[in-house]
Structures are given as C-alpha cells and as structure tokens.
C-alpha cells in the first residue's frame, strides 16, 4: 500500500491498522449476512494484541532462541498480521448461530471510527510531506 518514503514505524503501523480495519469490515459484514444461517459461527479479526506485543517488545529483556522450536521473542513490526478467528465458545440461539446483531452493529460503528481516524492521520502526514516538498509555497 505505502512504499518508498513511508518506511518509518508510524507509517507501517498506520498501514497495518488500515489493512486490519478493512478486513474487520469485511468479516463483520459477512457475520451480519449470515445472521439467520443455522450453525453459523461468527468470526472476528484479531490484530491489536499482536501489534501491542510488537511495539512493546523492545522494552522487555531480549530473548534469544537457541532451538527452532523455542517460543522466541515478540514479533517484529514487519511480521505483525491480522488474523480471522472463529468464535466457537458462544451460542446465542438453539440453531447454533452465535451472531448478535446489536453487537455486530456496535463493533461496525467502532471500526468505522477507527478507520476514519487512521485515514485522517495518514492524510495529515501526507499533507505535511506535500508542504515540505513545496517549501511552504502555495
């Protein structure tokens, strides 16, 4: 999505956040579309915890893996990915479907706010770069 000039840590976090928010939008729309499908289990996107571990990983003691099967250290920011998980723990209705429309709509609204905030920050960064390139002249 963003290459070249945008290689700093903040831009990488923004890029990954936008990708996760887009995927979350798709997954929640899929959940809502399957509201009345028997045995359908809702899905959710997990991203923030892995991002938090990657960002805070440098504040902890460094770990060294001496064997390929060791758990290792926190993932690097480059390796952070969002993943789609299926919620198999809860069941809302007798037909086995666990989609709660109120919860999905609230999460959809929160995701939209998050996406808009990320876009606004990215737009501000690009505006600043544009300003610098034109030496402040308009």
Protein backbone atom coordinates (compact mmCIF):
# COMPACT_ATOMS: atom_id res chain seq x y z
CA UNK A 1 0.00 0.00 0.00
CA UNK A 2 2.58 2.59 1.10
CA UNK A 3 6.11 2.23 -0.22
CA UNK A 4 9.24 4.31 -0.68
CA UNK A 5 9.19 7.39 1.54
CA UNK A 6 6.75 5.86 4.03
CA UNK A 7 9.08 3.36 5.66
CA UNK A 8 9.09 4.65 9.24
CA UNK A 9 7.46 2.92 12.19
CA UNK A 10 4.38 5.17 12.33
CA UNK A 11 3.58 4.69 8.66
CA UNK A 12 3.95 0.94 8.99
CA UNK A 13 1.55 0.90 11.96
CA UNK A 14 -0.93 3.05 10.01
CA UNK A 15 -0.71 0.75 7.00
CA UNK A 16 -1.23 -2.39 9.06
CA UNK A 17 -4.06 -0.75 11.02
CA UNK A 18 -5.86 0.22 7.82
CA UNK A 19 -5.47 -3.29 6.44
CA UNK A 20 -6.86 -4.82 9.64
CA UNK A 21 -9.77 -2.35 9.75
CA UNK A 22 -10.66 -3.17 6.14
CA UNK A 23 -10.58 -6.89 6.86
CA UNK A 24 -12.62 -6.38 10.04
CA UNK A 25 -15.26 -4.52 7.99
CA UNK A 26 -15.47 -7.43 5.54
CA UNK A 27 -15.70 -10.04 8.33
CA UNK A 28 -18.44 -8.15 10.21
CA UNK A 29 -20.44 -7.70 7.01
CA UNK A 30 -20.12 -11.46 6.47
CA UNK A 31 -21.32 -12.10 10.04
CA UNK A 32 -24.35 -9.85 9.54
CA UNK A 33 -25.15 -11.50 6.20
CA UNK A 34 -25.19 -14.90 7.96
CA UNK A 35 -27.40 -13.74 10.83
CA UNK A 36 -30.09 -16.35 10.02
CA UNK A 37 -27.83 -19.17 8.85
CA UNK A 38 -28.17 -22.21 11.14
CA UNK A 39 -24.91 -23.42 12.74
CA UNK A 40 -23.00 -20.35 11.52
CA UNK A 41 -20.30 -19.22 13.96
CA UNK A 42 -19.29 -15.57 13.95
CA UNK A 43 -15.79 -14.60 13.02
CA UNK A 44 -13.62 -11.81 14.33
CA UNK A 45 -10.35 -10.16 13.38
CA UNK A 46 -7.55 -10.18 15.92
CA UNK A 47 -4.79 -7.66 15.43
CA UNK A 48 -4.31 -5.23 18.29
CA UNK A 49 -2.73 -7.64 20.78
CA UNK A 50 -0.02 -8.77 18.36
CA UNK A 51 0.63 -5.12 17.42
CA UNK A 52 0.92 -4.22 21.10
CA UNK A 53 3.42 -7.02 21.66
CA UNK A 54 5.49 -5.90 18.67
CA UNK A 55 5.51 -2.27 19.81
CA UNK A 56 6.30 -3.03 23.45
CA UNK A 57 8.64 -5.94 22.73
CA UNK A 58 11.69 -3.70 22.76
CA UNK A 59 11.04 -2.61 26.37
CA UNK A 60 11.38 -6.15 27.71
CA UNK A 61 14.51 -8.17 28.25
CA UNK A 62 15.83 -9.50 24.96
CA UNK A 63 15.30 -13.22 24.46
CA UNK A 64 17.45 -15.49 22.38
CA UNK A 65 16.13 -18.59 20.68
CA UNK A 66 18.64 -21.40 20.71
CA UNK A 67 16.39 -24.00 19.15
CA UNK A 68 13.88 -23.65 16.26
CA UNK A 69 11.03 -24.88 18.46
CA UNK A 70 11.52 -22.28 21.19
CA UNK A 71 8.74 -19.75 21.59
CA UNK A 72 11.08 -16.85 20.85
CA UNK A 73 10.67 -13.15 21.23
CA UNK A 74 7.83 -10.79 20.42
CA UNK A 75 7.11 -10.44 16.70
CA UNK A 76 8.73 -7.56 14.86
CA UNK A 77 6.53 -4.83 13.48
CA UNK A 78 7.16 -6.15 9.96
CA UNK A 79 5.74 -9.56 10.95
CA UNK A 80 2.52 -8.32 12.57
CA UNK A 81 -0.52 -9.64 10.72
CA UNK A 82 -4.22 -9.62 11.43
CA UNK A 83 -5.92 -12.97 11.61
CA UNK A 84 -9.53 -14.10 11.37
CA UNK A 85 -10.68 -16.34 14.21
CA UNK A 86 -13.97 -18.21 14.56
CA UNK A 87 -15.83 -17.84 17.86
CA UNK A 88 -16.70 -21.41 18.82
CA UNK A 89 -17.31 -20.70 22.51
CA UNK A 90 -20.67 -18.97 22.48
CA UNK A 91 -24.06 -19.95 21.13
CA UNK A 92 -26.86 -17.41 21.05
CA UNK A 93 -29.73 -19.45 19.63
CA UNK A 94 -30.96 -23.03 19.58
CA UNK A 95 -29.96 -23.39 15.91
CA UNK A 96 -26.28 -22.92 16.87
CA UNK A 97 -25.84 -19.46 15.33
CA UNK A 98 -23.96 -17.05 17.61
CA UNK A 99 -24.26 -13.75 15.71
CA UNK A 100 -25.63 -10.92 17.86
CA UNK A 101 -26.82 -8.15 15.53
CA UNK A 102 -26.58 -5.40 18.17
CA UNK A 103 -23.00 -6.34 19.00
CA UNK A 104 -22.03 -6.55 15.33
CA UNK A 105 -23.55 -3.14 14.56
CA UNK A 106 -21.80 -1.52 17.54
CA UNK A 107 -18.48 -3.07 16.51
CA UNK A 108 -19.10 -1.95 12.93
CA UNK A 109 -19.56 1.66 14.10
CA UNK A 110 -16.42 1.48 16.28
CA UNK A 111 -14.43 0.04 13.38
CA UNK A 112 -15.63 2.86 11.10
CA UNK A 113 -14.45 5.46 13.64
CA UNK A 114 -11.09 3.69 13.94
CA UNK A 115 -10.69 3.53 10.16
CA UNK A 116 -11.59 7.23 9.77
CA UNK A 117 -9.06 8.20 12.45
CA UNK A 118 -6.30 6.20 10.73
CA UNK A 119 -7.12 7.78 7.36
CA UNK A 120 -7.11 11.25 8.92
CA UNK A 121 -3.66 10.72 10.48
CA UNK A 122 -2.29 9.34 7.22
CA UNK A 123 -3.77 12.25 5.28
CA UNK A 124 -2.19 14.73 7.72
CA UNK A 125 1.21 13.08 7.27
CA UNK A 126 0.89 13.29 3.51
CA UNK A 127 -0.17 16.92 3.75
CA UNK A 128 2.91 17.67 5.83
CA UNK A 129 5.14 15.97 3.28
CA UNK A 130 3.46 17.90 0.47
CA UNK A 131 4.06 21.13 2.39
CA UNK A 132 7.75 20.30 2.83
CA UNK A 133 8.19 19.35 -0.83
CA UNK A 134 6.71 22.66 -1.97
CA UNK A 135 8.81 24.55 0.61
CA UNK A 136 5.73 26.06 2.17
CA UNK A 137 4.72 27.87 -1.03
CA UNK A 138 1.18 27.62 -2.32
